[in-house]
Amino acid sequence: MNRIYLDFNATTPVEPQVLDAMLPYFSADFANASSIHSPGQRARAAVETAREQVAALIGARPQEIVFTSGGTESDNHAIFGVISSLVAQPILAVHSSSARTPTPHIITSTIEHEAVLNACQASEKQGVTVTYLPVAREGLVDPEELRRTIRPETVLITVMHANNELGTVQPLEEIGRIAKEHKVYFHTDAVQSVGKIPIDVSTLNVDLLSLSGHKLYAPKGIGALYVRTGARLRQLLYGGHHQRGFRPGTENVAGIVGLGKAAEIARTSLASDAQRVSSLRDKLERGLLQRVPQIRVNGSAAWRTPNTTNIMFAGIEGEALVIALDLKGLACSVGAACSSGAVEPSHVLTAIGLTQEGAKSSLRFSLGRHTTDSEIDFALEVIPTAVAQLRSISPTYRKEATSHA
């Protein structure tokens, strides 16, 4: 059976060149990068080369890159690190002449990844107030609405760059300008955008940016946090003085090298990858819209990453369709991999106005660098067949079909 993988937003395979770059650091060059002997210094040089490669991909300086275990740690460090740093400093009162320290306030959106949403909710339990901005049907935050929610005690804005379920790309440049005008720290979860669309941290006016290796053809368990020079950020872990004190612990040299190599590849292939993958994504969408009745594309067709489409198939359960497609050799998902198995419908899809039934009837197809034209042809054969089979036994679809008649 042919196996077709259209779930690259969940994770990507490790590129062969990335694996080749990593292998020596599991064996011959295994030394601790903090050791001062020659083997240790070879490992240190590899870490610093990777830091340069990651920085180059997002327009940062190498010293502004802090390696982490992945996107979740980076998001948590950005949120808790800013709050704890500012709460402990008089700078929190920068917007107020009062000597009393105000209650810190965070602004985020309703469609953030759970790594951000759960960190914000945990902050609320510690007395922080949080504003959860709604999004329009396209999945976009309104920058002017964000501007209106800023208070004297606002310390952080955290809005993702690209949504993991819809691919929607937020207007970060405008949000960044607003944050800069009000002297509020601005963090973005760019896990789903790094390596897919051009990113320059200076243009976006971000102070903190999260990225993850396994979304970028590097291994799982490695990520990075961009920390703008001069930004106040308290460490979350305590130990040695690694990475300028931001993130103690012995560096994962092999993982860091892999992330660096993946960043280097992405930087050179980004434009060509985006053009080719978006063409295949559009072919998949058009083909499904022509072949399958009562479906629609969720979110914005214009403001999104080139590899992602999210489609609602009326009258069926999304998880049943995922299983049916898997049996036919095609892997996709109902949404975020971190939420698979959840009973509740996607918070992202309900936030853009879908009913619970509509959200549960939606599937995400996310293409990758190695997706081929023949794989899309295969998908266009098996998806309509699977949808028709499930609808033939669905009382929900028969009811909807009758109501539309």
Protein backbone atom coordinates (compact mmCIF):
# COMPACT_ATOMS: atom_id res chain seq x y z
CA MET A 1 0.00 0.00 0.00
CA ASN A 2 1.19 3.50 -0.82
CA ARG A 3 1.58 5.66 2.29
CA ILE A 4 0.96 9.38 1.82
CA TYR A 5 1.81 11.78 4.64
CA LEU A 6 -0.08 15.09 4.74
CA ASP A 7 0.45 15.98 8.41
CA PHE A 8 3.68 18.00 8.28
CA ASN A 9 2.32 20.61 10.71
CA ALA A 10 2.32 17.88 13.36
CA THR A 11 5.93 16.91 12.69
CA THR A 12 8.43 16.58 9.86
CA PRO A 13 10.97 13.88 9.03
CA VAL A 14 14.61 14.58 9.78
CA GLU A 15 16.34 15.55 6.53
CA PRO A 16 19.15 13.16 5.54
CA GLN A 17 21.65 16.08 5.49
CA VAL A 18 20.52 17.04 8.99
CA LEU A 19 21.01 13.50 10.28
CA ASP A 20 24.45 13.32 8.64
CA ALA A 21 25.45 16.56 10.36
CA MET A 22 24.27 15.23 13.74
CA LEU A 23 25.81 11.75 13.72
CA PRO A 24 29.39 12.68 14.69
CA TYR A 25 28.12 14.31 17.89
CA PHE A 26 26.67 11.03 19.09
CA SER A 27 30.01 9.23 18.71
CA ALA A 28 33.39 10.69 17.78
CA ASP A 29 32.61 14.28 18.86
CA PHE A 30 30.56 13.40 21.94
CA ALA A 31 32.28 15.83 24.31
CA ASN A 32 30.53 18.34 26.57
CA ALA A 33 30.43 21.75 24.88
CA SER A 34 31.29 23.42 28.21
CA SER A 35 34.58 21.55 28.60
CA ILE A 36 37.74 23.56 27.92
CA HIS A 37 39.74 20.70 26.39
CA SER A 38 40.01 20.26 22.61
CA PRO A 39 37.13 17.78 22.19
CA GLY A 40 34.89 20.07 24.24
CA GLN A 41 35.89 23.07 22.18
CA ARG A 42 35.06 21.23 18.95
CA ALA A 43 31.58 20.64 20.35
CA ARG A 44 31.38 24.31 21.41
CA ALA A 45 32.33 25.43 17.90
CA ALA A 46 29.56 23.27 16.45
CA VAL A 47 27.01 24.79 18.85
CA GLU A 48 28.06 28.32 17.95
CA THR A 49 27.91 27.56 14.22
CA ALA A 50 24.36 26.31 14.70
CA ARG A 51 23.51 29.46 16.65
CA GLU A 52 24.67 31.51 13.66
CA GLN A 53 22.62 29.38 11.26
CA VAL A 54 19.41 29.74 13.28
CA ALA A 55 19.98 33.47 13.73
CA ALA A 56 20.48 33.94 9.99
CA LEU A 57 17.15 32.29 9.22
CA ILE A 58 15.19 34.86 11.25
CA GLY A 59 17.40 37.95 10.87
CA ALA A 60 18.71 37.87 14.44
CA ARG A 61 22.17 38.10 16.00
CA PRO A 62 23.71 34.81 17.11
CA GLN A 63 23.93 35.92 20.74
CA GLU A 64 20.15 36.44 20.73
CA ILE A 65 19.45 32.72 20.18
CA VAL A 66 18.82 30.53 23.23
CA PHE A 67 18.50 26.80 22.55
CA THR A 68 15.63 25.01 24.32
CA SER A 69 13.92 21.62 24.25
CA GLY A 70 11.27 22.84 21.77
CA GLY A 71 8.39 25.23 21.16
CA THR A 72 6.55 24.57 24.41
CA GLU A 73 9.56 25.42 26.56
CA SER A 74 10.29 28.49 24.45
CA ASP A 75 6.71 29.75 24.80
CA ASN A 76 6.67 29.12 28.53
CA HIS A 77 10.04 30.78 29.03
CA ALA A 78 8.92 33.87 27.10
CA ILE A 79 5.69 34.28 29.09
CA PHE A 80 6.84 33.36 32.60
CA GLY A 81 10.28 34.86 32.06
CA VAL A 82 8.91 38.29 31.16
CA ILE A 83 6.31 38.30 33.94
CA SER A 84 8.70 37.26 36.70
CA SER A 85 11.37 39.66 35.47
CA LEU A 86 9.10 42.68 35.34
CA VAL A 87 7.13 41.93 38.49
CA ALA A 88 10.40 41.84 40.40
CA GLN A 89 11.53 45.15 38.90
CA PRO A 90 10.26 48.75 39.25
CA ILE A 91 10.16 48.82 35.43
CA LEU A 92 6.67 47.34 35.70
CA ALA A 93 5.46 50.78 36.70
CA VAL A 94 6.93 52.35 33.56
CA HIS A 95 3.43 53.35 32.42
CA SER A 96 2.43 54.77 35.79
CA SER A 97 3.84 57.34 38.17
CA SER A 98 2.32 55.45 41.11
CA ALA A 99 4.72 53.72 43.45
CA ARG A 100 2.25 50.85 43.79
CA THR A 101 3.08 47.90 41.55
CA PRO A 102 0.04 47.28 39.33
CA THR A 103 -1.31 43.83 38.50
CA PRO A 104 0.51 42.61 35.37
CA HIS A 105 -1.62 42.29 32.24
CA ILE A 106 -1.05 40.06 29.19
CA ILE A 107 -2.75 40.23 25.79
CA THR A 108 -3.06 37.10 23.66
CA SER A 109 -5.52 35.61 21.15
CA THR A 110 -8.15 32.91 21.39
CA ILE A 111 -6.45 30.75 18.74
CA GLU A 112 -3.01 30.38 20.28
CA HIS A 113 -1.34 27.01 20.70
CA GLU A 114 -2.00 25.40 24.06
CA ALA A 115 1.61 26.05 25.07
CA VAL A 116 0.69 29.74 25.17
CA LEU A 117 -2.94 29.47 26.30
CA ASN A 118 -2.18 27.14 29.20
CA ALA A 119 0.76 29.29 30.28
CA CYS A 120 -1.51 32.34 30.28
CA GLN A 121 -4.16 30.48 32.26
CA ALA A 122 -1.52 29.38 34.78
CA SER A 123 -0.43 33.02 35.06
CA GLU A 124 -4.01 34.02 35.86
CA LYS A 125 -3.93 31.70 38.86
CA GLN A 126 -0.93 33.70 40.07
CA GLY A 127 -2.84 36.99 39.85
CA VAL A 128 -1.96 38.09 36.32
CA THR A 129 -4.86 39.38 34.22
CA VAL A 130 -5.16 38.17 30.63
CA THR A 131 -7.14 39.52 27.67
CA TYR A 132 -7.98 36.87 25.06
CA LEU A 133 -8.56 38.69 21.78
CA PRO A 134 -11.21 37.23 19.46
CA VAL A 135 -10.45 36.65 15.79
CA ALA A 136 -12.48 37.26 12.65
CA ARG A 137 -13.84 34.44 10.48
CA GLU A 138 -10.54 34.42 8.60
CA GLY A 139 -8.71 33.74 11.85
CA LEU A 140 -7.04 37.15 12.03
CA VAL A 141 -6.50 39.38 15.05
CA ASP A 142 -7.60 43.00 14.59
CA PRO A 143 -4.55 45.16 15.47
CA GLU A 144 -6.74 48.14 16.35
CA GLU A 145 -8.75 46.04 18.78
CA LEU A 146 -5.47 44.91 20.29
CA ARG A 147 -4.39 48.56 20.60
CA ARG A 148 -7.58 49.36 22.52
CA THR A 149 -6.94 46.57 25.05
CA ILE A 150 -3.51 47.86 26.09
CA ARG A 151 -3.49 49.19 29.64
CA PRO A 152 -0.87 51.00 31.71
CA GLU A 153 -0.09 47.66 33.39
CA THR A 154 0.21 45.63 30.16
CA VAL A 155 3.61 43.90 30.19
CA LEU A 156 3.37 41.39 27.32
CA ILE A 157 1.60 40.77 24.03
CA THR A 158 1.87 37.19 22.78
CA VAL A 159 0.30 36.48 19.38
CA MET A 160 1.34 33.56 17.20
CA HIS A 161 2.77 34.15 13.73
CA ALA A 162 1.04 31.30 11.88
CA ASN A 163 -1.76 29.16 13.25
CA ASN A 164 -1.05 25.45 13.44
CA GLU A 165 -4.56 24.40 12.35
CA LEU A 166 -5.49 27.02 9.75
CA GLY A 167 -2.10 28.28 8.61
CA THR A 168 -3.42 31.83 9.08
CA VAL A 169 -0.60 34.38 9.24
CA GLN A 170 -1.18 37.25 11.66
CA PRO A 171 -0.34 40.91 10.87
CA LEU A 172 2.69 40.87 13.13
CA GLU A 173 4.38 43.94 11.68
CA GLU A 174 1.42 46.10 12.65
CA ILE A 175 1.07 44.43 16.05
CA GLY A 176 4.80 44.85 16.60
CA ARG A 177 4.61 48.57 15.84
CA ILE A 178 1.78 48.97 18.34
CA ALA A 179 3.73 47.07 21.00
CA LYS A 180 6.81 49.19 20.37
CA GLU A 181 4.79 52.43 20.58
CA HIS A 182 3.46 51.40 23.99
CA LYS A 183 6.77 49.92 25.19
CA VAL A 184 5.18 46.52 25.76
CA TYR A 185 7.12 43.30 25.25
CA PHE A 186 6.00 41.35 22.18
CA HIS A 187 6.37 37.58 21.86
CA THR A 188 5.33 35.41 18.93
CA ASP A 189 5.05 31.65 18.64
CA ALA A 190 6.58 31.17 15.18
CA VAL A 191 6.77 27.38 15.34
CA GLN A 192 4.57 26.99 12.25
CA SER A 193 6.07 29.84 10.21
CA VAL A 194 9.84 29.51 10.58
CA GLY A 195 11.18 27.88 7.42
CA LYS A 196 7.88 28.30 5.54
CA ILE A 197 7.67 32.06 5.07
CA PRO A 198 10.33 34.82 5.33
CA ILE A 199 10.92 36.12 8.85
CA ASP A 200 12.94 39.09 10.03
CA VAL A 201 12.67 39.82 13.73
CA SER A 202 13.56 43.48 13.24
CA THR A 203 10.84 44.01 10.63
CA LEU A 204 8.31 42.27 12.88
CA ASN A 205 9.41 44.30 15.93
CA VAL A 206 9.30 41.19 18.12
CA ASP A 207 11.23 40.94 21.37
CA LEU A 208 10.84 37.18 21.73
CA LEU A 209 10.21 34.45 19.14
CA SER A 210 9.74 30.70 19.62
CA LEU A 211 10.67 28.00 17.11
CA SER A 212 10.83 24.22 17.13
CA GLY A 213 13.15 21.83 15.34
CA HIS A 214 10.71 19.05 14.53
CA LYS A 215 8.55 21.41 12.45
CA LEU A 216 11.64 22.30 10.44
CA TYR A 217 13.03 18.88 9.38
CA ALA A 218 15.25 18.71 12.47
CA PRO A 219 14.76 16.22 15.33
CA LYS A 220 12.23 16.39 18.12
CA GLY A 221 13.41 17.71 21.46
CA ILE A 222 15.25 20.78 20.21
CA GLY A 223 14.05 24.34 19.71
CA ALA A 224 15.09 27.91 20.24
CA LEU A 225 13.94 31.18 21.73
CA TYR A 226 15.01 34.47 20.19
CA VAL A 227 15.59 37.05 22.93
CA ARG A 228 16.16 40.58 21.67
CA THR A 229 19.30 42.19 23.06
CA GLY A 230 18.36 44.20 26.13
CA ALA A 231 15.10 42.37 26.80
CA ARG A 232 14.50 41.47 30.45
CA LEU A 233 13.91 37.75 30.80
CA ARG A 234 14.30 35.79 34.01
CA GLN A 235 15.57 32.22 33.76
CA LEU A 236 13.13 29.43 34.59
CA LEU A 237 15.72 26.77 35.36
CA TYR A 238 18.63 27.02 37.77
CA GLY A 239 21.98 25.34 37.35
CA GLY A 240 25.15 26.26 35.49
CA HIS A 241 25.82 29.45 33.55
CA HIS A 242 25.09 28.07 30.08
CA GLN A 243 23.68 30.26 27.30
CA ARG A 244 24.30 33.60 29.05
CA GLY A 245 22.41 32.31 32.10
CA PHE A 246 19.10 32.18 30.25
CA ARG A 247 18.95 28.38 30.02
CA PRO A 248 21.27 26.28 32.19
CA GLY A 249 22.00 22.64 31.50
CA THR A 250 24.40 20.70 29.32
CA GLU A 251 23.67 21.53 25.69
CA ASN A 252 22.10 18.92 23.43
CA VAL A 253 24.94 19.28 20.93
CA ALA A 254 23.64 16.79 18.35
CA GLY A 255 20.14 18.29 18.43
CA ILE A 256 21.51 21.83 18.22
CA VAL A 257 23.68 20.91 15.24
CA GLY A 258 20.64 19.34 13.58
CA LEU A 259 18.55 22.45 14.13
CA GLY A 260 21.32 24.61 12.74
CA LYS A 261 21.67 22.50 9.61
CA ALA A 262 17.89 22.46 9.10
CA ALA A 263 17.84 26.26 9.42
CA GLU A 264 20.61 26.55 6.84
CA ILE A 265 18.69 24.34 4.40
CA ALA A 266 15.46 26.23 5.00
CA ARG A 267 17.13 29.57 4.36
CA THR A 268 18.34 28.51 0.91
CA SER A 269 15.24 26.57 -0.17
CA LEU A 270 12.44 28.63 1.42
CA ALA A 271 11.29 30.50 -1.70
CA SER A 272 11.32 27.49 -4.02
CA ASP A 273 9.70 25.23 -1.40
CA ALA A 274 6.92 27.74 -0.77
CA GLN A 275 6.12 28.15 -4.45
CA ARG A 276 6.01 24.42 -5.16
CA VAL A 277 4.12 23.43 -2.01
CA SER A 278 1.51 26.17 -2.33
CA SER A 279 0.82 25.03 -5.88
CA LEU A 280 0.21 21.48 -4.65
CA ARG A 281 -1.93 22.72 -1.74
CA ASP A 282 -4.07 24.73 -4.15
CA LYS A 283 -4.41 21.72 -6.44
CA LEU A 284 -5.64 19.64 -3.50
CA GLU A 285 -8.16 22.30 -2.48
CA ARG A 286 -9.51 22.86 -5.97
CA GLY A 287 -9.80 19.15 -6.62
CA LEU A 288 -11.72 18.51 -3.41
CA LEU A 289 -14.06 21.47 -3.95
CA GLN A 290 -14.84 20.10 -7.42
CA ARG A 291 -15.28 16.48 -6.38
CA VAL A 292 -16.93 16.64 -2.95
CA PRO A 293 -20.21 18.47 -2.27
CA GLN A 294 -20.92 20.42 0.93
CA ILE A 295 -17.37 21.22 1.95
CA ARG A 296 -15.62 24.51 2.58
CA VAL A 297 -12.15 25.82 3.36
CA ASN A 298 -11.83 27.19 6.89
CA GLY A 299 -9.99 30.43 7.58
CA SER A 300 -8.29 32.83 5.21
CA ALA A 301 -7.37 31.72 1.71
CA ALA A 302 -4.95 34.63 1.33
CA TRP A 303 -3.21 35.15 4.68
CA ARG A 304 -1.80 31.69 5.39
CA THR A 305 1.29 29.56 5.14
CA PRO A 306 1.83 27.90 1.75
CA ASN A 307 1.45 24.32 2.95
CA THR A 308 -1.79 24.29 5.00
CA THR A 309 -5.48 23.85 4.27
CA ASN A 310 -8.27 23.12 6.73
CA ILE A 311 -11.50 21.78 5.23
CA MET A 312 -14.92 21.12 6.73
CA PHE A 313 -16.75 18.05 5.39
CA ALA A 314 -20.42 18.48 6.36
CA GLY A 315 -22.21 15.56 7.95
CA ILE A 316 -19.30 13.38 9.04
CA GLU A 317 -17.07 12.99 12.08
CA GLY A 318 -13.58 14.22 11.37
CA GLU A 319 -11.91 11.52 13.45
CA ALA A 320 -13.80 8.82 11.55
CA LEU A 321 -12.58 10.32 8.28
CA VAL A 322 -8.98 10.43 9.55
CA ILE A 323 -9.21 6.73 10.40
CA ALA A 324 -10.83 5.88 7.06
CA LEU A 325 -8.12 7.75 5.17
CA ASP A 326 -5.39 6.13 7.24
CA LEU A 327 -6.74 2.72 6.25
CA LYS A 328 -6.43 3.83 2.62
CA GLY A 329 -2.83 4.95 3.17
CA LEU A 330 -3.22 8.69 3.73
CA ALA A 331 -2.22 10.42 6.99
CA CYS A 332 -3.80 13.74 7.97
CA SER A 333 -5.31 15.15 11.17
CA VAL A 334 -8.34 16.78 12.76
CA GLY A 335 -6.17 19.59 14.12
CA ALA A 336 -3.27 20.05 16.48
CA ALA A 337 -1.39 16.83 17.30
CA CYS A 338 -1.12 18.02 20.92
CA SER A 339 -4.93 17.92 21.15
CA SER A 340 -5.58 14.58 19.45
CA GLY A 341 -7.96 12.46 21.49
CA ALA A 342 -9.59 15.52 23.03
CA VAL A 343 -13.36 15.30 23.41
CA GLU A 344 -13.91 19.01 22.87
CA PRO A 345 -13.93 20.47 19.36
CA SER A 346 -10.99 22.58 18.22
CA HIS A 347 -10.83 25.89 20.09
CA VAL A 348 -9.36 27.43 16.93
CA LEU A 349 -12.27 26.43 14.71
CA THR A 350 -14.96 27.46 17.18
CA ALA A 351 -13.11 30.78 17.63
CA ILE A 352 -13.57 31.56 13.92
CA GLY A 353 -17.31 30.88 14.16
CA LEU A 354 -17.77 27.19 13.35
CA THR A 355 -20.39 25.27 15.30
CA GLN A 356 -19.20 22.34 17.41
CA GLU A 357 -20.47 20.00 14.68
CA GLY A 358 -18.64 21.97 11.98
CA ALA A 359 -15.43 21.99 13.98
CA LYS A 360 -15.63 18.23 14.55
CA SER A 361 -16.21 17.71 10.81
CA SER A 362 -13.01 19.51 9.79
CA LEU A 363 -9.66 18.06 8.74
CA ARG A 364 -6.25 19.65 8.36
CA PHE A 365 -4.04 18.72 5.43
CA SER A 366 -0.48 20.03 5.75
CA LEU A 367 2.01 19.43 2.97
CA GLY A 368 5.78 19.27 3.18
CA ARG A 369 8.98 19.81 1.26
CA HIS A 370 8.86 16.29 -0.19
CA THR A 371 5.16 16.11 -1.06
CA THR A 372 4.77 15.15 -4.72
CA ASP A 373 2.23 15.80 -7.44
CA SER A 374 1.41 12.09 -7.61
CA GLU A 375 0.70 12.06 -3.87
CA ILE A 376 -1.86 14.84 -4.33
CA ASP A 377 -3.41 12.84 -7.19
CA PHE A 378 -3.67 9.87 -4.82
CA ALA A 379 -5.28 12.06 -2.14
CA LEU A 380 -7.82 13.33 -4.68
CA GLU A 381 -8.78 9.73 -5.41
CA VAL A 382 -9.15 8.42 -1.86
CA ILE A 383 -10.62 11.42 -0.01
CA PRO A 384 -13.84 11.76 -2.08
CA THR A 385 -14.39 8.00 -1.87
CA ALA A 386 -13.91 7.92 1.89
CA VAL A 387 -16.19 10.94 2.39
CA ALA A 388 -18.93 9.35 0.26
CA GLN A 389 -18.68 6.08 2.20
CA LEU A 390 -18.99 7.79 5.57
CA ARG A 391 -21.82 10.03 4.43
CA SER A 392 -23.77 7.04 3.16
CA ILE A 393 -24.07 5.79 6.73
CA SER A 394 -24.35 9.18 8.43
CA PRO A 395 -27.81 10.19 9.70
CA THR A 396 -26.43 13.68 10.26
CA TYR A 397 -25.50 14.09 6.60
CA ARG A 398 -28.84 12.73 5.38
CA LYS A 399 -30.61 15.23 7.60
CA GLU A 400 -28.43 18.08 6.30
CA ALA A 401 -28.93 16.96 2.70
CA THR A 402 -32.71 16.92 3.22
CA SER A 403 -32.66 20.39 4.75
CA HIS A 404 -30.70 21.69 1.75
CA ALA A 405 -33.04 20.10 -0.74
